[in-house]
Amino acid sequence: MLKFVKNHMDSIAGIEIYPVISLLIFFTFFVALFWWVFTAKKDYIDRMSDIPLDNQNDTTL
């Protein structure tokens, strides 16, 4: 099965660019996430982390 997929993908022109694009998207996402975590305000992080423990806003379905 893998041999069939590998041979089929080798026949596609320009296929070697897709792993590079995937790596760039992956790297860019985690750099942006890293930047957001370190620049986010402490009050916002504390408020978001307390949401699951907040019993004042319980809603019944």
PDB file of N, CA and C in Angstrom:
ATOM      1  N   MET A   1       0.825  -1.192   0.000  1.00  0.00           N
ATOM      2  CA  MET A   1       0.000   0.000   0.000  1.00  0.00           C
ATOM      3  C   MET A   1       0.870   1.256   0.000  1.00  0.00           C
ATOM      4  N   LEU A   2       1.866   1.314   0.887  1.00  0.00           N
ATOM      5  CA  LEU A   2       2.738   2.481   0.949  1.00  0.00           C
ATOM      6  C   LEU A   2       3.559   2.627  -0.328  1.00  0.00           C
ATOM      7  N   LYS A   3       3.930   1.499  -0.902  1.00  0.00           N
ATOM      8  CA  LYS A   3       4.698   1.537  -2.147  1.00  0.00           C
ATOM      9  C   LYS A   3       3.868   2.179  -3.258  1.00  0.00           C
ATOM     10  N   PHE A   4       2.582   1.868  -3.299  1.00  0.00           N
ATOM     11  CA  PHE A   4       1.696   2.454  -4.305  1.00  0.00           C
ATOM     12  C   PHE A   4       1.579   3.966  -4.110  1.00  0.00           C
ATOM     13  N   VAL A   5       1.395   4.395  -2.870  1.00  0.00           N
ATOM     14  CA  VAL A   5       1.248   5.821  -2.583  1.00  0.00           C
ATOM     15  C   VAL A   5       2.542   6.557  -2.894  1.00  0.00           C
ATOM     16  N   LYS A   6       3.671   5.978  -2.506  1.00  0.00           N
ATOM     17  CA  LYS A   6       4.965   6.625  -2.735  1.00  0.00           C
ATOM     18  C   LYS A   6       5.242   6.767  -4.230  1.00  0.00           C
ATOM     19  N   ASN A   7       4.991   5.724  -4.994  1.00  0.00           N
ATOM     20  CA  ASN A   7       5.221   5.794  -6.435  1.00  0.00           C
ATOM     21  C   ASN A   7       4.261   6.774  -7.095  1.00  0.00           C
ATOM     22  N   HIS A   8       3.044   6.825  -6.615  1.00  0.00           N
ATOM     23  CA  HIS A   8       2.065   7.760  -7.174  1.00  0.00           C
ATOM     24  C   HIS A   8       2.471   9.204  -6.877  1.00  0.00           C
ATOM     25  N   MET A   9       2.940   9.462  -5.679  1.00  0.00           N
ATOM     26  CA  MET A   9       3.335  10.826  -5.316  1.00  0.00           C
ATOM     27  C   MET A   9       4.602  11.260  -6.038  1.00  0.00           C
ATOM     28  N   ASP A  10       5.484  10.338  -6.362  1.00  0.00           N
ATOM     29  CA  ASP A  10       6.689  10.690  -7.112  1.00  0.00           C
ATOM     30  C   ASP A  10       6.356  11.170  -8.513  1.00  0.00           C
ATOM     31  N   SER A  11       5.231  10.759  -9.027  1.00  0.00           N
ATOM     32  CA  SER A  11       4.859  11.154 -10.383  1.00  0.00           C
ATOM     33  C   SER A  11       4.258  12.561 -10.449  1.00  0.00           C
ATOM     34  N   ILE A  12       3.962  13.165  -9.298  1.00  0.00           N
ATOM     35  CA  ILE A  12       3.375  14.506  -9.270  1.00  0.00           C
ATOM     36  C   ILE A  12       4.504  15.532  -9.310  1.00  0.00           C
ATOM     37  N   ALA A  13       4.440  16.436 -10.259  1.00  0.00           N
ATOM     38  CA  ALA A  13       5.470  17.468 -10.387  1.00  0.00           C
ATOM     39  C   ALA A  13       5.312  18.510  -9.281  1.00  0.00           C
ATOM     40  N   GLY A  14       6.398  18.872  -8.636  1.00  0.00           N
ATOM     41  CA  GLY A  14       6.374  19.905  -7.606  1.00  0.00           C
ATOM     42  C   GLY A  14       5.909  19.433  -6.252  1.00  0.00           C
ATOM     43  N   ILE A  15       5.842  18.135  -6.033  1.00  0.00           N
ATOM     44  CA  ILE A  15       5.332  17.607  -4.764  1.00  0.00           C
ATOM     45  C   ILE A  15       6.303  17.863  -3.607  1.00  0.00           C
ATOM     46  N   GLU A  16       7.568  18.090  -3.893  1.00  0.00           N
ATOM     47  CA  GLU A  16       8.563  18.245  -2.827  1.00  0.00           C
ATOM     48  C   GLU A  16       8.388  19.541  -2.042  1.00  0.00           C
ATOM     49  N   ILE A  17       7.597  20.475  -2.527  1.00  0.00           N
ATOM     50  CA  ILE A  17       7.390  21.740  -1.826  1.00  0.00           C
ATOM     51  C   ILE A  17       6.374  21.602  -0.684  1.00  0.00           C
ATOM     52  N   TYR A  18       5.506  20.618  -0.729  1.00  0.00           N
ATOM     53  CA  TYR A  18       4.457  20.478   0.290  1.00  0.00           C
ATOM     54  C   TYR A  18       4.994  20.215   1.697  1.00  0.00           C
ATOM     55  N   PRO A  19       6.006  19.383   1.888  1.00  0.00           N
ATOM     56  CA  PRO A  19       6.540  19.242   3.256  1.00  0.00           C
ATOM     57  C   PRO A  19       7.151  20.539   3.785  1.00  0.00           C
ATOM     58  N   VAL A  20       7.765  21.317   2.913  1.00  0.00           N
ATOM     59  CA  VAL A  20       8.343  22.593   3.333  1.00  0.00           C
ATOM     60  C   VAL A  20       7.238  23.558   3.749  1.00  0.00           C
ATOM     61  N   ILE A  21       6.179  23.619   2.978  1.00  0.00           N
ATOM     62  CA  ILE A  21       5.045  24.484   3.315  1.00  0.00           C
ATOM     63  C   ILE A  21       4.411  24.044   4.631  1.00  0.00           C
ATOM     64  N   SER A  22       4.266  22.753   4.831  1.00  0.00           N
ATOM     65  CA  SER A  22       3.691  22.234   6.083  1.00  0.00           C
ATOM     66  C   SER A  22       4.550  22.616   7.279  1.00  0.00           C
ATOM     67  N   LEU A  23       5.858  22.501   7.136  1.00  0.00           N
ATOM     68  CA  LEU A  23       6.766  22.870   8.218  1.00  0.00           C
ATOM     69  C   LEU A  23       6.677  24.362   8.519  1.00  0.00           C
ATOM     70  N   LEU A  24       6.605  25.185   7.493  1.00  0.00           N
ATOM     71  CA  LEU A  24       6.494  26.631   7.704  1.00  0.00           C
ATOM     72  C   LEU A  24       5.191  27.006   8.398  1.00  0.00           C
ATOM     73  N   ILE A  25       4.093  26.379   8.016  1.00  0.00           N
ATOM     74  CA  ILE A  25       2.806  26.645   8.676  1.00  0.00           C
ATOM     75  C   ILE A  25       2.864  26.216  10.141  1.00  0.00           C
ATOM     76  N   PHE A  26       3.396  25.044  10.406  1.00  0.00           N
ATOM     77  CA  PHE A  26       3.536  24.527  11.766  1.00  0.00           C
ATOM     78  C   PHE A  26       4.401  25.462  12.610  1.00  0.00           C
ATOM     79  N   PHE A  27       5.552  25.853  12.077  1.00  0.00           N
ATOM     80  CA  PHE A  27       6.485  26.715  12.797  1.00  0.00           C
ATOM     81  C   PHE A  27       5.868  28.087  13.056  1.00  0.00           C
ATOM     82  N   THR A  28       5.218  28.660  12.058  1.00  0.00           N
ATOM     83  CA  THR A  28       4.592  29.974  12.197  1.00  0.00           C
ATOM     84  C   THR A  28       3.493  29.957  13.251  1.00  0.00           C
ATOM     85  N   PHE A  29       2.678  28.917  13.259  1.00  0.00           N
ATOM     86  CA  PHE A  29       1.608  28.806  14.245  1.00  0.00           C
ATOM     87  C   PHE A  29       2.170  28.784  15.664  1.00  0.00           C
ATOM     88  N   PHE A  30       3.193  27.978  15.910  1.00  0.00           N
ATOM     89  CA  PHE A  30       3.716  27.870  17.264  1.00  0.00           C
ATOM     90  C   PHE A  30       4.527  29.090  17.679  1.00  0.00           C
ATOM     91  N   VAL A  31       5.158  29.769  16.753  1.00  0.00           N
ATOM     92  CA  VAL A  31       5.826  31.026  17.089  1.00  0.00           C
ATOM     93  C   VAL A  31       4.785  32.080  17.461  1.00  0.00           C
ATOM     94  N   ALA A  32       3.694  32.150  16.707  1.00  0.00           N
ATOM     95  CA  ALA A  32       2.622  33.098  17.024  1.00  0.00           C
ATOM     96  C   ALA A  32       1.982  32.769  18.371  1.00  0.00           C
ATOM     97  N   LEU A  33       1.760  31.500  18.647  1.00  0.00           N
ATOM     98  CA  LEU A  33       1.190  31.094  19.932  1.00  0.00           C
ATOM     99  C   LEU A  33       2.136  31.433  21.081  1.00  0.00           C
ATOM    100  N   PHE A  34       3.416  31.181  20.888  1.00  0.00           N
ATOM    101  CA  PHE A  34       4.435  31.510  21.888  1.00  0.00           C
ATOM    102  C   PHE A  34       4.444  33.012  22.156  1.00  0.00           C
ATOM    103  N   TRP A  35       4.388  33.811  21.094  1.00  0.00           N
ATOM    104  CA  TRP A  35       4.374  35.266  21.234  1.00  0.00           C
ATOM    105  C   TRP A  35       3.118  35.719  21.980  1.00  0.00           C
ATOM    106  N   TRP A  36       1.961  35.132  21.657  1.00  0.00           N
ATOM    107  CA  TRP A  36       0.714  35.523  22.309  1.00  0.00           C
ATOM    108  C   TRP A  36       0.745  35.201  23.800  1.00  0.00           C
ATOM    109  N   VAL A  37       1.274  34.044  24.165  1.00  0.00           N
ATOM    110  CA  VAL A  37       1.317  33.638  25.572  1.00  0.00           C
ATOM    111  C   VAL A  37       2.163  34.610  26.386  1.00  0.00           C
ATOM    112  N   PHE A  38       3.279  35.035  25.836  1.00  0.00           N
ATOM    113  CA  PHE A  38       4.151  35.921  26.598  1.00  0.00           C
ATOM    114  C   PHE A  38       3.729  37.382  26.552  1.00  0.00           C
ATOM    115  N   THR A  39       2.857  37.767  25.648  1.00  0.00           N
ATOM    116  CA  THR A  39       2.406  39.155  25.608  1.00  0.00           C
ATOM    117  C   THR A  39       0.986  39.328  26.141  1.00  0.00           C
ATOM    118  N   ALA A  40       0.311  38.248  26.455  1.00  0.00           N
ATOM    119  CA  ALA A  40      -1.057  38.346  26.981  1.00  0.00           C
ATOM    120  C   ALA A  40      -1.022  38.952  28.384  1.00  0.00           C
ATOM    121  N   LYS A  41      -2.058  39.699  28.695  1.00  0.00           N
ATOM    122  CA  LYS A  41      -2.124  40.328  30.009  1.00  0.00           C
ATOM    123  C   LYS A  41      -2.415  39.282  31.075  1.00  0.00           C
ATOM    124  N   LYS A  42      -1.784  39.463  32.209  1.00  0.00           N
ATOM    125  CA  LYS A  42      -1.927  38.526  33.322  1.00  0.00           C
ATOM    126  C   LYS A  42      -3.379  38.450  33.802  1.00  0.00           C
ATOM    127  N   ASP A  43      -4.083  39.566  33.809  1.00  0.00           N
ATOM    128  CA  ASP A  43      -5.489  39.569  34.241  1.00  0.00           C
ATOM    129  C   ASP A  43      -6.350  38.707  33.323  1.00  0.00           C
ATOM    130  N   TYR A  44      -6.113  38.796  32.031  1.00  0.00           N
ATOM    131  CA  TYR A  44      -6.877  38.000  31.066  1.00  0.00           C
ATOM    132  C   TYR A  44      -6.615  36.510  31.268  1.00  0.00           C
ATOM    133  N   ILE A  45      -5.355  36.143  31.454  1.00  0.00           N
ATOM    134  CA  ILE A  45      -5.003  34.732  31.668  1.00  0.00           C
ATOM    135  C   ILE A  45      -5.645  34.217  32.952  1.00  0.00           C
ATOM    136  N   ASP A  46      -5.588  35.011  34.019  1.00  0.00           N
ATOM    137  CA  ASP A  46      -6.200  34.592  35.289  1.00  0.00           C
ATOM    138  C   ASP A  46      -7.712  34.447  35.163  1.00  0.00           C
ATOM    139  N   ARG A  47      -8.357  35.383  34.468  1.00  0.00           N
ATOM    140  CA  ARG A  47      -9.809  35.311  34.295  1.00  0.00           C
ATOM    141  C   ARG A  47     -10.207  34.081  33.483  1.00  0.00           C
ATOM    142  N   MET A  48      -9.472  33.790  32.420  1.00  0.00           N
ATOM    143  CA  MET A  48      -9.780  32.621  31.594  1.00  0.00           C
ATOM    144  C   MET A  48      -9.509  31.315  32.346  1.00  0.00           C
ATOM    145  N   SER A  49      -8.490  31.300  33.178  1.00  0.00           N
ATOM    146  CA  SER A  49      -8.188  30.078  33.925  1.00  0.00           C
ATOM    147  C   SER A  49      -9.187  29.833  35.049  1.00  0.00           C
ATOM    148  N   ASP A  50      -9.873  30.873  35.510  1.00  0.00           N
ATOM    149  CA  ASP A  50     -10.869  30.716  36.572  1.00  0.00           C
ATOM    150  C   ASP A  50     -12.254  30.360  36.052  1.00  0.00           C
ATOM    151  N   ILE A  51     -12.480  30.436  34.772  1.00  0.00           N
ATOM    152  CA  ILE A  51     -13.811  30.159  34.216  1.00  0.00           C
ATOM    153  C   ILE A  51     -14.317  28.754  34.569  1.00  0.00           C
ATOM    154  N   PRO A  52     -13.508  27.701  34.436  1.00  0.00           N
ATOM    155  CA  PRO A  52     -14.045  26.369  34.768  1.00  0.00           C
ATOM    156  C   PRO A  52     -14.396  26.207  36.242  1.00  0.00           C
ATOM    157  N   LEU A  53     -13.810  27.010  37.106  1.00  0.00           N
ATOM    158  CA  LEU A  53     -14.050  26.886  38.541  1.00  0.00           C
ATOM    159  C   LEU A  53     -15.092  27.865  39.055  1.00  0.00           C
ATOM    160  N   ASP A  54     -15.565  28.743  38.198  1.00  0.00           N
ATOM    161  CA  ASP A  54     -16.529  29.764  38.601  1.00  0.00           C
ATOM    162  C   ASP A  54     -17.917  29.143  38.726  1.00  0.00           C
ATOM    163  N   ASN A  55     -18.480  29.180  39.936  1.00  0.00           N
ATOM    164  CA  ASN A  55     -19.796  28.589  40.181  1.00  0.00           C
ATOM    165  C   ASN A  55     -20.922  29.609  40.079  1.00  0.00           C
ATOM    166  N   GLN A  56     -20.617  30.874  39.901  1.00  0.00           N
ATOM    167  CA  GLN A  56     -21.646  31.905  39.844  1.00  0.00           C
ATOM    168  C   GLN A  56     -22.400  31.883  38.523  1.00  0.00           C
ATOM    169  N   ASN A  57     -21.798  31.400  37.478  1.00  0.00           N
ATOM    170  CA  ASN A  57     -22.417  31.425  36.157  1.00  0.00           C
ATOM    171  C   ASN A  57     -22.899  30.047  35.719  1.00  0.00           C
ATOM    172  N   ASP A  58     -23.355  29.249  36.664  1.00  0.00           N
ATOM    173  CA  ASP A  58     -23.868  27.927  36.301  1.00  0.00           C
ATOM    174  C   ASP A  58     -25.170  28.071  35.525  1.00  0.00           C
ATOM    175  N   THR A  59     -25.270  27.338  34.464  1.00  0.00           N
ATOM    176  CA  THR A  59     -26.511  27.319  33.689  1.00  0.00           C
ATOM    177  C   THR A  59     -27.014  25.887  33.650  1.00  0.00           C
ATOM    178  N   THR A  60     -28.299  25.750  33.739  1.00  0.00           N
ATOM    179  CA  THR A  60     -28.889  24.418  33.662  1.00  0.00           C
ATOM    180  C   THR A  60     -29.511  24.239  32.296  1.00  0.00           C
ATOM    181  N   LEU A  61     -29.338  23.087  31.755  1.00  0.00           N
ATOM    182  CA  LEU A  61     -29.893  22.790  30.436  1.00  0.00           C
ATOM    183  C   LEU A  61     -31.140  21.964  30.566  1.00  0.00           C
TER     184      LEU A  61
END
